[in-house]
C-alpha cells in the first residue's frame, strides 16, 4: 500500500474534480448569516437608540421579531410531512410574488 492509497487522494477521492455544488451552498450560507447578523445588530440599535424605548418594549420588540420564525418552523415541519414538495414551493413562490405585487400596488 503506497502513501497515495492511504490518503485516498486518487481518482476515487474527494479531489477528483467532480462538481458538488458545495461552493453554492457556502455562498448561500454566508449570505444568510450576513443578513441575520446585520438584523441582530441593527434592530436593537434602532429600538434602543433611535426610538429610545425602555427595556420592556425592547424585549417585546425582540420577541415579536422571533415569533414568525417559531410559527413558520412549526408550519413548515407540518407541511414537509404531508404536502408534495413541488406544490409547496410553487405555492410559496406564488404567495411571495403576490406580496410584492400588493406592495407595488400600495406604493403606486
N, C-alpha and C. Protein backbone atom coordinates (compact mmCIF):
# COMPACT_ATOMS: atom_id res chain seq x y z
N UNK A 1 0.86 -1.18 0.00
CA UNK A 1 0.00 0.00 0.00
C UNK A 1 0.90 1.23 0.00
N UNK A 2 0.70 2.10 -0.96
CA UNK A 2 1.52 3.29 -1.04
C UNK A 2 0.90 4.43 -0.23
N UNK A 3 1.63 5.52 -0.11
CA UNK A 3 1.14 6.68 0.65
C UNK A 3 -0.07 7.30 -0.05
N UNK A 4 -0.09 7.22 -1.38
CA UNK A 4 -1.23 7.78 -2.12
C UNK A 4 -2.51 6.99 -1.85
N UNK A 5 -2.41 5.69 -1.75
CA UNK A 5 -3.57 4.86 -1.45
C UNK A 5 -4.08 5.09 -0.05
N UNK A 6 -3.19 5.38 0.89
CA UNK A 6 -3.60 5.57 2.28
C UNK A 6 -4.35 6.87 2.49
N UNK A 7 -4.01 7.90 1.72
CA UNK A 7 -4.67 9.19 1.89
C UNK A 7 -5.98 9.28 1.14
N UNK A 8 -6.17 8.43 0.16
CA UNK A 8 -7.43 8.46 -0.59
C UNK A 8 -7.52 9.60 -1.57
N UNK A 9 -6.38 10.11 -2.05
CA UNK A 9 -6.42 11.25 -2.97
C UNK A 9 -6.29 10.80 -4.41
N UNK A 10 -6.70 9.61 -4.72
CA UNK A 10 -6.65 9.10 -6.08
C UNK A 10 -7.87 9.55 -6.85
N UNK A 11 -8.14 8.88 -7.95
CA UNK A 11 -9.30 9.25 -8.77
C UNK A 11 -10.63 9.06 -8.05
N UNK A 12 -10.68 8.19 -7.06
CA UNK A 12 -11.94 8.00 -6.34
C UNK A 12 -12.05 8.89 -5.12
N UNK A 13 -11.06 9.69 -4.83
CA UNK A 13 -11.08 10.55 -3.64
C UNK A 13 -11.90 11.80 -3.87
N UNK A 14 -11.91 12.68 -2.87
CA UNK A 14 -12.70 13.91 -2.92
C UNK A 14 -12.12 14.93 -3.88
N UNK A 15 -10.85 14.76 -4.24
CA UNK A 15 -10.21 15.76 -5.10
C UNK A 15 -10.28 15.35 -6.57
N UNK A 16 -11.29 14.62 -6.97
CA UNK A 16 -11.38 14.16 -8.35
C UNK A 16 -11.88 15.25 -9.29
N UNK A 17 -12.35 16.36 -8.78
CA UNK A 17 -12.78 17.47 -9.62
C UNK A 17 -14.24 17.41 -10.02
N UNK A 18 -14.99 16.48 -9.48
CA UNK A 18 -16.41 16.38 -9.81
C UNK A 18 -17.16 17.53 -9.15
N UNK A 19 -18.06 18.19 -9.88
CA UNK A 19 -18.80 19.31 -9.29
C UNK A 19 -19.78 18.80 -8.22
N UNK A 20 -19.75 19.43 -7.07
CA UNK A 20 -20.63 19.01 -5.98
C UNK A 20 -21.63 20.08 -5.59
N UNK A 21 -21.42 21.31 -6.00
CA UNK A 21 -22.34 22.38 -5.61
C UNK A 21 -22.05 22.92 -4.22
N UNK A 22 -20.97 22.48 -3.62
CA UNK A 22 -20.66 22.91 -2.26
C UNK A 22 -20.35 24.41 -2.20
N UNK A 23 -19.76 24.96 -3.25
CA UNK A 23 -19.46 26.40 -3.25
C UNK A 23 -20.76 27.22 -3.24
N UNK A 24 -21.79 26.75 -3.95
CA UNK A 24 -23.08 27.44 -3.91
C UNK A 24 -23.69 27.39 -2.52
N UNK A 25 -23.53 26.25 -1.88
CA UNK A 25 -24.02 26.10 -0.51
C UNK A 25 -23.32 27.08 0.43
N UNK A 26 -22.01 27.20 0.28
CA UNK A 26 -21.25 28.12 1.15
C UNK A 26 -21.64 29.57 0.91
N UNK A 27 -21.85 29.95 -0.34
CA UNK A 27 -22.26 31.33 -0.65
C UNK A 27 -23.64 31.61 -0.06
N UNK A 28 -24.54 30.65 -0.18
CA UNK A 28 -25.88 30.81 0.37
C UNK A 28 -25.85 30.95 1.89
N UNK A 29 -25.07 30.11 2.54
CA UNK A 29 -24.95 30.19 3.99
C UNK A 29 -24.32 31.51 4.43
N UNK A 30 -23.31 31.96 3.71
CA UNK A 30 -22.66 33.23 4.05
C UNK A 30 -23.63 34.39 3.89
N UNK A 31 -24.43 34.39 2.84
CA UNK A 31 -25.40 35.46 2.64
C UNK A 31 -26.45 35.45 3.74
N UNK A 32 -26.92 34.27 4.14
CA UNK A 32 -27.93 34.19 5.19
C UNK A 32 -27.36 34.69 6.52
N UNK A 33 -26.15 34.25 6.87
CA UNK A 33 -25.56 34.68 8.13
C UNK A 33 -25.23 36.16 8.12
N UNK A 34 -24.86 36.72 6.97
CA UNK A 34 -24.62 38.16 6.88
C UNK A 34 -25.90 38.93 7.14
N UNK A 35 -26.98 38.52 6.49
CA UNK A 35 -28.26 39.20 6.70
C UNK A 35 -28.75 39.03 8.14
N UNK A 36 -28.62 37.84 8.68
CA UNK A 36 -29.04 37.58 10.06
C UNK A 36 -28.21 38.39 11.04
N UNK A 37 -26.91 38.47 10.81
CA UNK A 37 -26.03 39.26 11.69
C UNK A 37 -26.34 40.74 11.65
N UNK A 38 -26.59 41.25 10.45
CA UNK A 38 -26.96 42.67 10.35
C UNK A 38 -28.27 42.95 11.06
N UNK A 39 -29.22 42.03 10.93
CA UNK A 39 -30.51 42.22 11.59
C UNK A 39 -30.34 42.20 13.11
N UNK A 40 -29.52 41.33 13.61
CA UNK A 40 -29.33 41.21 15.06
C UNK A 40 -28.55 42.39 15.63
N UNK A 41 -27.85 43.13 14.81
CA UNK A 41 -27.14 44.32 15.28
C UNK A 41 -27.98 45.58 15.07
N UNK A 42 -28.58 45.72 13.89
CA UNK A 42 -29.31 46.95 13.57
C UNK A 42 -30.65 47.06 14.29
N UNK A 43 -31.36 45.95 14.47
CA UNK A 43 -32.66 46.03 15.12
C UNK A 43 -32.57 46.53 16.56
N UNK A 44 -31.70 45.99 17.41
CA UNK A 44 -31.60 46.55 18.76
C UNK A 44 -31.13 48.01 18.76
N UNK A 45 -30.25 48.37 17.83
CA UNK A 45 -29.80 49.76 17.76
C UNK A 45 -30.98 50.69 17.43
N UNK A 46 -31.79 50.28 16.46
CA UNK A 46 -32.93 51.13 16.09
C UNK A 46 -33.94 51.26 17.23
N UNK A 47 -34.20 50.15 17.93
CA UNK A 47 -35.20 50.20 19.00
C UNK A 47 -34.69 50.98 20.20
N UNK A 48 -33.45 50.73 20.62
CA UNK A 48 -32.95 51.36 21.85
C UNK A 48 -32.44 52.77 21.63
N UNK A 49 -31.69 52.99 20.56
CA UNK A 49 -31.03 54.29 20.37
C UNK A 49 -31.90 55.26 19.58
N UNK A 50 -32.42 54.82 18.45
CA UNK A 50 -33.18 55.74 17.61
C UNK A 50 -34.58 55.98 18.20
N UNK A 51 -35.29 54.91 18.56
CA UNK A 51 -36.63 55.06 19.11
C UNK A 51 -36.64 55.33 20.61
N UNK A 52 -35.53 55.09 21.29
CA UNK A 52 -35.36 55.32 22.73
C UNK A 52 -36.45 54.65 23.57
N UNK A 53 -36.67 53.35 23.29
CA UNK A 53 -37.66 52.58 24.04
C UNK A 53 -37.04 52.02 25.32
N UNK A 54 -37.91 51.74 26.31
CA UNK A 54 -37.42 51.18 27.58
C UNK A 54 -37.19 49.68 27.43
N UNK A 55 -36.76 49.04 28.53
CA UNK A 55 -36.38 47.64 28.49
C UNK A 55 -37.56 46.72 28.18
N UNK A 56 -38.73 47.04 28.70
CA UNK A 56 -39.90 46.19 28.48
C UNK A 56 -40.28 46.19 27.00
N UNK A 57 -40.34 47.36 26.40
CA UNK A 57 -40.70 47.43 24.99
C UNK A 57 -39.61 46.85 24.10
N UNK A 58 -38.37 46.99 24.53
CA UNK A 58 -37.27 46.39 23.78
C UNK A 58 -37.40 44.87 23.77
N UNK A 59 -37.71 44.27 24.91
CA UNK A 59 -37.91 42.83 24.99
C UNK A 59 -39.10 42.37 24.17
N UNK A 60 -40.19 43.14 24.21
CA UNK A 60 -41.36 42.80 23.40
C UNK A 60 -41.06 42.90 21.91
N UNK A 61 -40.26 43.89 21.53
CA UNK A 61 -39.90 44.04 20.11
C UNK A 61 -39.04 42.86 19.65
N UNK A 62 -38.10 42.42 20.48
CA UNK A 62 -37.29 41.27 20.10
C UNK A 62 -38.12 39.99 20.05
N UNK A 63 -39.07 39.85 20.96
CA UNK A 63 -39.95 38.68 20.93
C UNK A 63 -40.79 38.69 19.66
N UNK A 64 -41.32 39.86 19.29
CA UNK A 64 -42.12 39.97 18.08
C UNK A 64 -41.28 39.68 16.83
N UNK A 65 -39.98 39.98 16.89
CA UNK A 65 -39.10 39.71 15.76
C UNK A 65 -38.90 38.21 15.57
N UNK A 66 -38.86 37.43 16.65
CA UNK A 66 -38.60 35.99 16.57
C UNK A 66 -39.88 35.16 16.44
N UNK A 67 -41.02 35.72 16.74
CA UNK A 67 -42.27 34.96 16.73
C UNK A 67 -42.62 34.38 15.35
N UNK A 68 -42.49 35.11 14.25
CA UNK A 68 -42.79 34.49 12.94
C UNK A 68 -41.89 33.29 12.64
N UNK A 69 -40.65 33.33 13.06
CA UNK A 69 -39.75 32.21 12.83
C UNK A 69 -40.25 30.96 13.56
N UNK A 70 -40.64 31.12 14.81
CA UNK A 70 -41.13 29.98 15.58
C UNK A 70 -42.39 29.39 14.94
N UNK A 71 -43.31 30.24 14.56
CA UNK A 71 -44.55 29.75 13.96
C UNK A 71 -44.32 29.14 12.58
N UNK A 72 -43.44 29.73 11.79
CA UNK A 72 -43.19 29.19 10.45
C UNK A 72 -42.41 27.88 10.50
N UNK A 73 -41.58 27.68 11.51
CA UNK A 73 -40.88 26.40 11.65
C UNK A 73 -41.88 25.29 11.94
N UNK A 74 -42.84 25.56 12.80
CA UNK A 74 -43.86 24.56 13.09
C UNK A 74 -44.71 24.27 11.86
N UNK A 75 -45.14 25.29 11.15
CA UNK A 75 -45.93 25.12 9.95
C UNK A 75 -45.13 24.40 8.86
N UNK A 76 -43.87 24.76 8.71
CA UNK A 76 -43.02 24.12 7.71
C UNK A 76 -42.80 22.65 8.00
N UNK A 77 -42.62 22.29 9.26
CA UNK A 77 -42.48 20.88 9.61
C UNK A 77 -43.74 20.09 9.34
N UNK A 78 -44.87 20.68 9.62
CA UNK A 78 -46.16 20.03 9.34
C UNK A 78 -46.34 19.82 7.84
N UNK A 79 -46.04 20.86 7.07
CA UNK A 79 -46.21 20.76 5.61
C UNK A 79 -45.22 19.79 4.98
N UNK A 80 -44.00 19.74 5.50
CA UNK A 80 -42.98 18.87 4.91
C UNK A 80 -43.36 17.40 5.01
N UNK A 81 -44.13 17.06 6.02
CA UNK A 81 -44.55 15.67 6.19
C UNK A 81 -45.78 15.32 5.37
N UNK A 82 -46.57 16.29 4.95
CA UNK A 82 -47.87 15.98 4.38
C UNK A 82 -48.13 16.51 2.97
N UNK A 83 -47.33 17.42 2.46
CA UNK A 83 -47.61 18.07 1.18
C UNK A 83 -46.50 17.75 0.19
N UNK A 84 -46.87 17.65 -1.07
CA UNK A 84 -45.90 17.44 -2.15
C UNK A 84 -44.93 18.64 -2.20
N UNK A 85 -43.65 18.36 -2.32
CA UNK A 85 -42.62 19.40 -2.25
C UNK A 85 -42.76 20.41 -3.39
N UNK A 86 -42.96 19.93 -4.60
CA UNK A 86 -43.08 20.84 -5.74
C UNK A 86 -44.28 21.77 -5.57
N UNK A 87 -45.37 21.23 -5.12
CA UNK A 87 -46.57 22.05 -4.91
C UNK A 87 -46.34 23.10 -3.82
N UNK A 88 -45.66 22.70 -2.74
CA UNK A 88 -45.38 23.65 -1.66
C UNK A 88 -44.48 24.78 -2.13
N UNK A 89 -43.48 24.47 -2.93
CA UNK A 89 -42.57 25.50 -3.44
C UNK A 89 -43.30 26.44 -4.38
N UNK A 90 -44.13 25.88 -5.26
CA UNK A 90 -44.88 26.73 -6.19
C UNK A 90 -45.85 27.65 -5.46
N UNK A 91 -46.54 27.13 -4.46
CA UNK A 91 -47.46 27.98 -3.69
C UNK A 91 -46.68 29.05 -2.93
N UNK A 92 -45.56 28.68 -2.33
CA UNK A 92 -44.76 29.66 -1.59
C UNK A 92 -44.22 30.77 -2.48
N UNK A 93 -43.71 30.39 -3.66
CA UNK A 93 -43.21 31.41 -4.59
C UNK A 93 -44.35 32.28 -5.12
N UNK A 94 -45.52 31.68 -5.34
CA UNK A 94 -46.67 32.46 -5.79
C UNK A 94 -47.11 33.47 -4.74
N UNK A 95 -47.15 33.04 -3.49
CA UNK A 95 -47.51 33.97 -2.41
C UNK A 95 -46.48 35.08 -2.25
N UNK A 96 -45.23 34.74 -2.44
CA UNK A 96 -44.17 35.76 -2.36
C UNK A 96 -44.34 36.78 -3.49
N UNK A 97 -44.61 36.30 -4.69
CA UNK A 97 -44.82 37.22 -5.82
C UNK A 97 -46.05 38.08 -5.60
N UNK A 98 -47.11 37.49 -5.04
CA UNK A 98 -48.32 38.28 -4.76
C UNK A 98 -48.07 39.35 -3.70
N UNK A 99 -47.25 39.04 -2.73
CA UNK A 99 -46.96 40.06 -1.71
C UNK A 99 -46.20 41.24 -2.30
N UNK A 100 -45.26 40.96 -3.22
CA UNK A 100 -44.54 42.06 -3.86
C UNK A 100 -45.46 42.84 -4.79
N UNK A 101 -46.35 42.14 -5.45
CA UNK A 101 -47.32 42.81 -6.32
C UNK A 101 -48.25 43.72 -5.50
N UNK A 102 -48.71 43.23 -4.37
CA UNK A 102 -49.56 44.05 -3.49
C UNK A 102 -48.79 45.25 -2.96
N UNK A 103 -47.55 45.06 -2.61
CA UNK A 103 -46.74 46.18 -2.15
C UNK A 103 -46.56 47.22 -3.24
N UNK A 104 -46.35 46.77 -4.46
CA UNK A 104 -46.24 47.70 -5.58
C UNK A 104 -47.53 48.47 -5.83
N UNK A 105 -48.67 47.79 -5.67
CA UNK A 105 -49.96 48.46 -5.84
C UNK A 105 -50.15 49.51 -4.76
N UNK A 106 -49.80 49.18 -3.52
CA UNK A 106 -49.94 50.15 -2.43
C UNK A 106 -49.04 51.36 -2.61
N UNK A 107 -47.84 51.14 -3.13
CA UNK A 107 -46.91 52.25 -3.34
C UNK A 107 -47.39 53.13 -4.50
N UNK A 108 -47.93 52.50 -5.55
CA UNK A 108 -48.40 53.26 -6.70
C UNK A 108 -49.65 54.04 -6.32
